[in-house]
Protein backbone atom coordinates (compact mmCIF):
# COMPACT_ATOMS: atom_id res chain seq x y z
CA MET A 1 -81.62 -26.25 -79.06
CA ALA A 2 -82.66 -22.61 -78.82
CA GLN A 3 -84.32 -20.83 -81.70
CA GLN A 4 -82.31 -17.77 -82.72
CA ALA A 5 -83.56 -14.36 -83.86
CA SER A 6 -82.13 -15.05 -87.32
CA GLY A 7 -84.38 -18.09 -87.65
CA GLN A 8 -81.46 -20.51 -87.39
CA ARG A 9 -81.47 -23.18 -84.72
CA ALA A 10 -78.45 -22.69 -82.50
CA PRO A 11 -75.86 -25.47 -82.29
CA GLU A 12 -75.59 -27.18 -78.93
CA PRO A 13 -73.46 -25.06 -76.55
CA ARG A 14 -69.98 -26.36 -75.82
CA GLY A 15 -70.11 -25.26 -72.17
CA LYS A 16 -72.70 -24.41 -69.53
CA LEU A 17 -75.46 -21.80 -69.68
CA VAL A 18 -75.41 -19.96 -66.35
CA ASP A 19 -78.68 -18.32 -65.28
CA LEU A 20 -78.10 -14.76 -64.07
CA GLY A 21 -81.68 -13.82 -63.27
CA GLY A 22 -83.54 -13.99 -66.54
CA HIS A 23 -80.60 -14.19 -68.92
CA ARG A 24 -77.93 -16.86 -69.40
CA LEU A 25 -74.19 -16.58 -69.97
CA HIS A 26 -72.32 -19.32 -71.83
CA VAL A 27 -69.12 -20.41 -70.04
CA TYR A 28 -66.84 -23.26 -71.12
CA CYS A 29 -64.14 -24.49 -68.70
CA ARG A 30 -61.49 -27.16 -69.20
CA GLY A 31 -58.53 -28.53 -67.26
CA THR A 32 -57.52 -28.39 -63.61
CA GLY A 33 -55.14 -26.32 -61.51
CA SER A 34 -54.86 -22.90 -59.95
CA PRO A 35 -54.93 -20.04 -60.81
CA THR A 36 -57.71 -20.50 -63.35
CA VAL A 37 -57.41 -18.55 -66.61
CA ILE A 38 -60.41 -16.51 -67.84
CA VAL A 39 -60.55 -15.24 -71.44
CA GLU A 40 -62.33 -12.03 -72.52
CA SER A 41 -62.63 -11.88 -76.33
CA GLY A 42 -62.71 -8.94 -78.70
CA PHE A 43 -65.44 -7.76 -81.06
CA ASP A 44 -66.88 -10.33 -83.49
CA GLU A 45 -65.08 -13.12 -81.64
CA PHE A 46 -66.30 -15.97 -79.52
CA SER A 47 -65.35 -18.57 -76.92
CA PHE A 48 -64.61 -21.27 -79.51
CA ASP A 49 -62.18 -19.03 -81.41
CA TRP A 50 -59.82 -19.72 -78.49
CA SER A 51 -60.00 -23.50 -78.91
CA VAL A 52 -56.30 -23.95 -79.74
CA VAL A 53 -55.13 -21.84 -76.79
CA GLN A 54 -57.71 -23.42 -74.50
CA SER A 55 -56.75 -26.99 -75.36
CA ARG A 56 -53.06 -26.26 -74.78
CA VAL A 57 -53.55 -24.40 -71.50
CA ALA A 58 -55.89 -27.18 -70.28
CA LYS A 59 -52.90 -29.54 -70.33
CA PHE A 60 -51.29 -27.67 -67.41
CA GLY A 61 -54.12 -25.63 -65.84
CA ARG A 62 -57.78 -24.69 -65.80
CA ILE A 63 -59.06 -22.24 -68.40
CA CYS A 64 -62.53 -20.83 -69.03
CA THR A 65 -63.67 -19.09 -72.17
CA TYR A 66 -67.07 -17.43 -72.37
CA ASP A 67 -69.35 -15.40 -74.60
CA ARG A 68 -70.45 -11.95 -73.50
CA ALA A 69 -74.19 -11.30 -73.35
CA GLY A 70 -75.59 -11.25 -76.88
CA TYR A 71 -72.63 -13.24 -78.28
CA ALA A 72 -73.05 -16.82 -79.59
CA TRP A 73 -75.02 -18.87 -77.04
CA SER A 74 -75.26 -16.14 -74.39
CA ASP A 75 -78.63 -14.41 -74.12
CA PRO A 76 -78.89 -10.62 -74.59
CA GLY A 77 -78.20 -9.06 -71.20
CA PRO A 78 -79.24 -5.98 -69.25
CA ALA A 79 -78.54 -2.55 -70.68
CA PRO A 80 -76.48 -0.49 -71.00
CA ARG A 81 -73.54 -2.71 -71.97
CA THR A 82 -70.92 -0.92 -69.89
CA PHE A 83 -67.65 -2.45 -68.70
CA ALA A 84 -69.15 -2.54 -65.21
CA GLN A 85 -72.18 -4.48 -66.49
CA ILE A 86 -70.02 -6.95 -68.40
CA ASN A 87 -67.75 -7.38 -65.36
CA VAL A 88 -70.53 -8.13 -62.90
CA GLU A 89 -72.06 -10.71 -65.21
CA LEU A 90 -68.76 -12.56 -65.57
CA HIS A 91 -68.03 -12.30 -61.84
CA ASP A 92 -71.46 -13.67 -60.90
CA ALA A 93 -71.36 -16.44 -63.50
CA LEU A 94 -67.98 -17.66 -62.20
CA THR A 95 -69.31 -17.56 -58.65
CA ARG A 96 -72.41 -19.57 -59.55
CA LEU A 97 -70.25 -22.14 -61.34
CA GLY A 98 -68.07 -22.50 -58.24
CA GLU A 99 -64.95 -21.26 -60.05
CA GLN A 100 -62.54 -19.93 -57.44
CA GLY A 101 -60.15 -17.05 -57.89
CA PRO A 102 -57.92 -15.30 -57.99
CA PHE A 103 -57.88 -15.60 -61.78
CA VAL A 104 -55.43 -14.91 -64.58
CA LEU A 105 -57.39 -12.67 -66.95
CA VAL A 106 -56.66 -12.69 -70.69
CA GLY A 107 -58.06 -9.68 -72.55
CA HIS A 108 -57.94 -9.64 -76.34
CA SER A 109 -58.44 -6.42 -78.33
CA PHE A 110 -61.66 -4.81 -76.98
CA GLY A 111 -61.59 -7.42 -74.24
CA GLY A 112 -58.42 -5.78 -72.91
CA PRO A 113 -60.08 -2.71 -71.36
CA ILE A 114 -62.91 -4.90 -70.06
CA VAL A 115 -60.33 -7.02 -68.20
CA ARG A 116 -58.56 -3.85 -67.04
CA ASN A 117 -61.78 -2.56 -65.49
CA TYR A 118 -62.47 -5.96 -63.91
CA ALA A 119 -59.08 -5.79 -62.19
CA MET A 120 -59.92 -2.36 -60.78
CA VAL A 121 -63.37 -3.46 -59.56
CA TYR A 122 -62.32 -6.87 -58.20
CA PRO A 123 -58.56 -6.57 -57.53
CA GLU A 124 -58.61 -9.38 -54.95
CA ASP A 125 -59.91 -11.75 -57.65
CA VAL A 126 -57.03 -11.14 -60.07
CA ALA A 127 -53.78 -13.13 -59.98
CA GLY A 128 -52.40 -11.71 -63.21
CA ILE A 129 -53.29 -10.30 -66.62
CA VAL A 130 -52.30 -10.98 -70.23
CA PHE A 131 -53.23 -8.34 -72.79
CA VAL A 132 -53.40 -9.73 -76.33
CA ASP A 133 -53.12 -6.72 -78.64
CA ALA A 134 -55.45 -4.92 -76.26
CA VAL A 135 -57.15 -1.64 -77.03
CA SER A 136 -55.99 1.42 -75.06
CA GLU A 137 -57.65 4.76 -74.37
CA ASP A 138 -55.31 6.55 -76.80
CA GLN A 139 -55.66 4.08 -79.65
CA ARG A 140 -57.20 5.14 -82.94
CA PHE A 141 -59.54 3.25 -85.27
CA GLU A 142 -60.79 4.02 -88.77
CA MET A 143 -64.23 5.57 -89.16
CA TRP A 144 -65.49 7.39 -92.24
CA HIS A 145 -61.94 7.50 -93.63
CA LYS A 146 -60.56 9.19 -90.52
CA ALA A 147 -58.34 7.96 -87.68
CA VAL A 148 -60.64 8.45 -84.68
CA SER A 149 -59.56 8.17 -81.05
CA MET A 150 -61.18 5.47 -78.90
CA ARG A 151 -62.26 8.15 -76.43
CA ASP A 152 -63.98 10.29 -79.06
CA GLY A 153 -67.70 10.24 -78.53
CA ALA A 154 -67.52 10.39 -74.73
CA LYS A 155 -70.32 12.59 -73.39
CA GLY A 156 -69.27 12.70 -69.76
CA GLN A 157 -72.16 10.46 -68.77
CA ALA A 158 -72.15 8.80 -65.37
CA VAL A 159 -71.94 5.05 -65.78
CA PRO A 160 -75.13 3.46 -64.38
CA ALA A 161 -74.82 0.83 -61.66
CA PRO A 162 -74.81 -2.70 -63.12
CA HIS A 163 -77.72 -5.05 -62.49
CA GLU A 164 -78.41 -8.70 -63.21
CA GLU A 165 -82.18 -8.75 -63.52
CA ILE A 166 -83.58 -7.84 -66.92
CA LEU A 167 -85.57 -4.63 -66.40
CA PRO A 168 -88.21 -2.95 -68.57
CA GLY A 169 -86.38 -0.94 -71.20
CA ASP A 170 -83.31 -3.18 -71.19
CA LYS A 171 -83.92 -4.43 -74.72
CA LEU A 172 -81.23 -3.14 -77.06
CA ALA A 173 -82.11 -1.54 -80.37
CA ASP A 174 -81.00 -3.32 -83.52
CA SER A 175 -77.70 -2.06 -84.85
CA PRO A 176 -77.89 -0.14 -88.15
CA TYR A 177 -74.69 -1.97 -89.10
CA PHE A 178 -76.20 -5.46 -88.87
CA SER A 179 -75.54 -7.34 -92.09
CA PRO A 180 -77.05 -10.77 -92.85
CA ALA A 181 -74.32 -11.15 -95.46
CA LYS A 182 -71.79 -11.65 -92.65
CA ALA A 183 -73.18 -15.15 -92.27
CA LEU A 184 -71.84 -16.01 -95.71
CA GLN A 185 -68.17 -15.13 -95.26
CA ILE A 186 -65.44 -15.70 -92.75
CA GLU A 187 -62.56 -13.26 -92.50
CA PRO A 188 -58.90 -14.23 -92.08
CA PRO A 189 -57.39 -15.52 -89.88
CA PHE A 190 -60.53 -17.37 -88.74
CA ASP A 191 -60.53 -19.25 -92.04
CA ARG A 192 -57.66 -21.22 -90.45
CA LEU A 193 -59.98 -22.73 -87.85
CA PRO A 194 -61.12 -26.35 -88.27
CA SER A 195 -64.25 -26.70 -90.39
CA ASP A 196 -66.58 -27.31 -87.42
CA LEU A 197 -65.39 -24.13 -85.72
CA ARG A 198 -65.67 -22.12 -88.94
CA ILE A 199 -69.31 -23.18 -89.11
CA LEU A 200 -69.83 -22.03 -85.51
CA HIS A 201 -68.10 -18.71 -86.24
CA LEU A 202 -70.32 -18.04 -89.25
CA TRP A 203 -73.43 -18.87 -87.23
CA ALA A 204 -72.44 -16.70 -84.26
CA GLN A 205 -71.48 -13.63 -86.29
CA SER A 206 -74.83 -13.72 -88.12
CA GLN A 207 -76.93 -13.12 -84.99
CA ARG A 208 -78.76 -9.81 -84.58
CA SER A 209 -78.10 -9.94 -80.84
CA LEU A 210 -74.35 -9.71 -81.51
CA ALA A 211 -74.62 -6.53 -83.57
CA ALA A 212 -76.93 -4.94 -80.98
CA ALA A 213 -74.62 -5.80 -78.07
CA GLU A 214 -71.52 -4.53 -79.86
CA GLU A 215 -73.21 -1.29 -80.86
CA ASN A 216 -74.12 -0.58 -77.23
CA GLU A 217 -70.62 -1.56 -76.04
CA ARG A 218 -69.17 0.94 -78.51
CA THR A 219 -71.52 3.64 -77.23
CA TRP A 220 -70.40 3.32 -73.59
CA SER A 221 -66.72 2.42 -73.86
CA PRO A 222 -65.60 5.99 -74.74
CA GLU A 223 -66.76 7.10 -71.27
CA TYR A 224 -64.17 4.81 -69.72
CA PHE A 225 -61.45 5.70 -72.21
CA ALA A 226 -61.95 9.43 -71.65
CA LYS A 227 -61.85 9.01 -67.86
CA TRP A 228 -58.68 6.93 -68.00
CA HIS A 229 -57.05 9.48 -70.30
CA ASP A 230 -58.05 12.50 -68.22
CA HIS A 231 -57.19 10.91 -64.86
CA SER A 232 -54.16 8.83 -65.74
CA GLU A 233 -52.03 7.49 -62.92
CA LEU A 234 -48.96 5.34 -62.62
CA TYR A 235 -49.54 1.69 -61.72
CA PRO A 236 -53.33 1.77 -61.20
CA LEU A 237 -53.25 -2.04 -61.10
CA GLY A 238 -50.63 -2.08 -58.36
CA SER A 239 -48.30 -5.09 -58.55
CA ILE A 240 -50.55 -7.47 -60.48
CA PRO A 241 -48.32 -9.46 -62.87
CA LEU A 242 -49.01 -8.16 -66.39
CA ILE A 243 -47.73 -9.20 -69.82
CA VAL A 244 -48.64 -7.03 -72.81
CA LEU A 245 -48.52 -8.86 -76.17
CA SER A 246 -48.44 -6.53 -79.18
CA ARG A 247 -48.49 -7.37 -82.87
CA GLU A 248 -45.34 -6.61 -84.81
CA GLN A 249 -46.92 -4.36 -87.45
CA GLY A 250 -50.12 -2.31 -87.29
CA GLY A 251 -51.00 -2.58 -90.99
CA PHE A 252 -52.30 0.99 -91.28
CA HIS A 253 -52.87 3.07 -94.39
CA ASP A 254 -52.93 6.85 -94.83
CA LEU A 255 -56.07 8.61 -93.61
CA ASP A 256 -56.32 12.14 -92.26
CA ILE A 257 -53.29 11.01 -90.23
CA SER A 258 -50.44 9.23 -91.98
CA ALA A 259 -49.89 5.50 -91.58
CA ILE A 260 -46.44 6.25 -90.17
CA GLN A 261 -47.86 8.42 -87.40
CA GLN A 262 -50.60 5.90 -86.62
CA GLU A 263 -48.01 3.15 -86.28
CA ALA A 264 -45.78 5.26 -84.02
CA GLU A 265 -48.75 6.05 -81.79
CA ARG A 266 -49.81 2.40 -81.67
CA LYS A 267 -46.37 1.24 -80.54
CA ALA A 268 -46.18 3.96 -77.88
CA ASN A 269 -49.68 3.17 -76.59
CA GLN A 270 -48.96 -0.55 -76.38
CA ALA A 271 -45.72 0.08 -74.48
CA ARG A 272 -47.58 2.47 -72.16
CA LEU A 273 -49.97 -0.32 -71.12
CA THR A 274 -47.13 -1.96 -69.19
CA ALA A 275 -47.16 1.04 -66.81
CA LEU A 276 -50.57 -0.07 -65.54
CA SER A 277 -48.67 -2.40 -63.19
CA LYS A 278 -45.37 -2.30 -61.35
CA LYS A 279 -44.84 -5.78 -62.79
CA GLY A 280 -45.63 -5.00 -66.42
CA GLU A 281 -43.72 -6.59 -69.30
CA HIS A 282 -44.00 -5.89 -73.03
CA ARG A 283 -43.55 -8.56 -75.72
CA ILE A 284 -43.70 -8.03 -79.49
CA VAL A 285 -45.21 -10.96 -81.39
CA ALA A 286 -44.74 -11.71 -85.10
CA SER A 287 -48.48 -11.89 -85.74
CA GLY A 288 -51.58 -9.96 -86.57
CA GLU A 289 -54.00 -8.91 -83.83
CA ASP A 290 -55.72 -12.31 -83.59
CA MET A 291 -52.82 -14.07 -81.90
CA GLN A 292 -55.07 -16.75 -80.44
CA VAL A 293 -55.30 -18.12 -84.01
CA GLU A 294 -52.09 -16.81 -85.62
CA ALA A 295 -49.59 -17.21 -82.76
CA PRO A 296 -51.17 -19.38 -80.06
CA ASP A 297 -47.79 -20.46 -78.68
CA ALA A 298 -46.95 -16.86 -77.73
CA VAL A 299 -50.27 -16.49 -75.92
CA VAL A 300 -49.89 -19.80 -74.09
CA LYS A 301 -46.33 -18.89 -73.04
CA ALA A 302 -47.50 -15.55 -71.62
CA ILE A 303 -50.26 -17.30 -69.68
CA GLN A 304 -47.77 -19.82 -68.31
CA ASP A 305 -45.38 -17.07 -67.25
CA VAL A 306 -48.04 -15.02 -65.46
CA ARG A 307 -49.32 -18.13 -63.65
CA LYS A 308 -45.80 -19.00 -62.54
CA THR A 309 -45.17 -15.46 -61.34
CA PHE A 310 -48.31 -15.55 -59.22
CA ARG A 311 -47.62 -19.03 -57.86
CA GLY A 312 -44.07 -18.00 -56.99
CA ASN A 313 -45.27 -14.90 -55.16
CA ALA A 314 -47.95 -16.90 -53.35
CA THR A 315 -45.42 -19.39 -52.01
CA GLY A 316 -42.81 -16.76 -51.17
CA ARG A 317 -40.27 -17.87 -53.75
């Protein structure tokens, strides 16, 4: 077992550690059948948090969950942590594992825009997409008691070309927001996970590499959000089957912008995500944002429907 930066010994990985030229990505695949489903998680979330969805999907198809570089068992990866960098690592890991596309991509929260970018970079590898309360370029989040846009902070920087080999200077700085106390508490709804998975979640969220990776992801994501906002187009994903799952209520409170306005904007932004594809569909789910734990049936149903749509198109039905 690997020794972690926190001093803890890491639990044995559930899947395979794929060598990408000096750093390894943890990928866990189950089941058989095509198209294979690939899950991209949100912040502070990990491959094993999708265990319920994964076990159910594995009964009728193949599904792979993974941990981005710096998350759980995956080593810290090259910098900067742009969507392009994250995409190429996943693409190359799947290739080295022999996983064959096209894939159904599931993007949860911050994983949503990562999946969206993957579909634009590798469109031929994408059979369909499910957004699970995915972040959009016009979404707001709370920072310093203000409702800040996801694209705020963009500096107009050109996104560097991705690379697999760890280069001098690729080491990420520690995040100023790293808190060892996170190892001592687990936030709802992850307290619903079985005890063994709760232990894994507490271990994974306590790693310094996670905080550093997330901090760098936050630094570069506004560049994408600003570009998408400033150069919006109808159906940039063409006719890729797309289902957008949105939580029923946002759960906002008054900031510099009222909770009512924030909720109205959220609903409009989620509905607007369907216009990324000619085959976009919007579904409201009675759940919070972590549907993989709170409403796994809705997520599994969306995955089934996208797979069927692709298989029907592929056979001409």
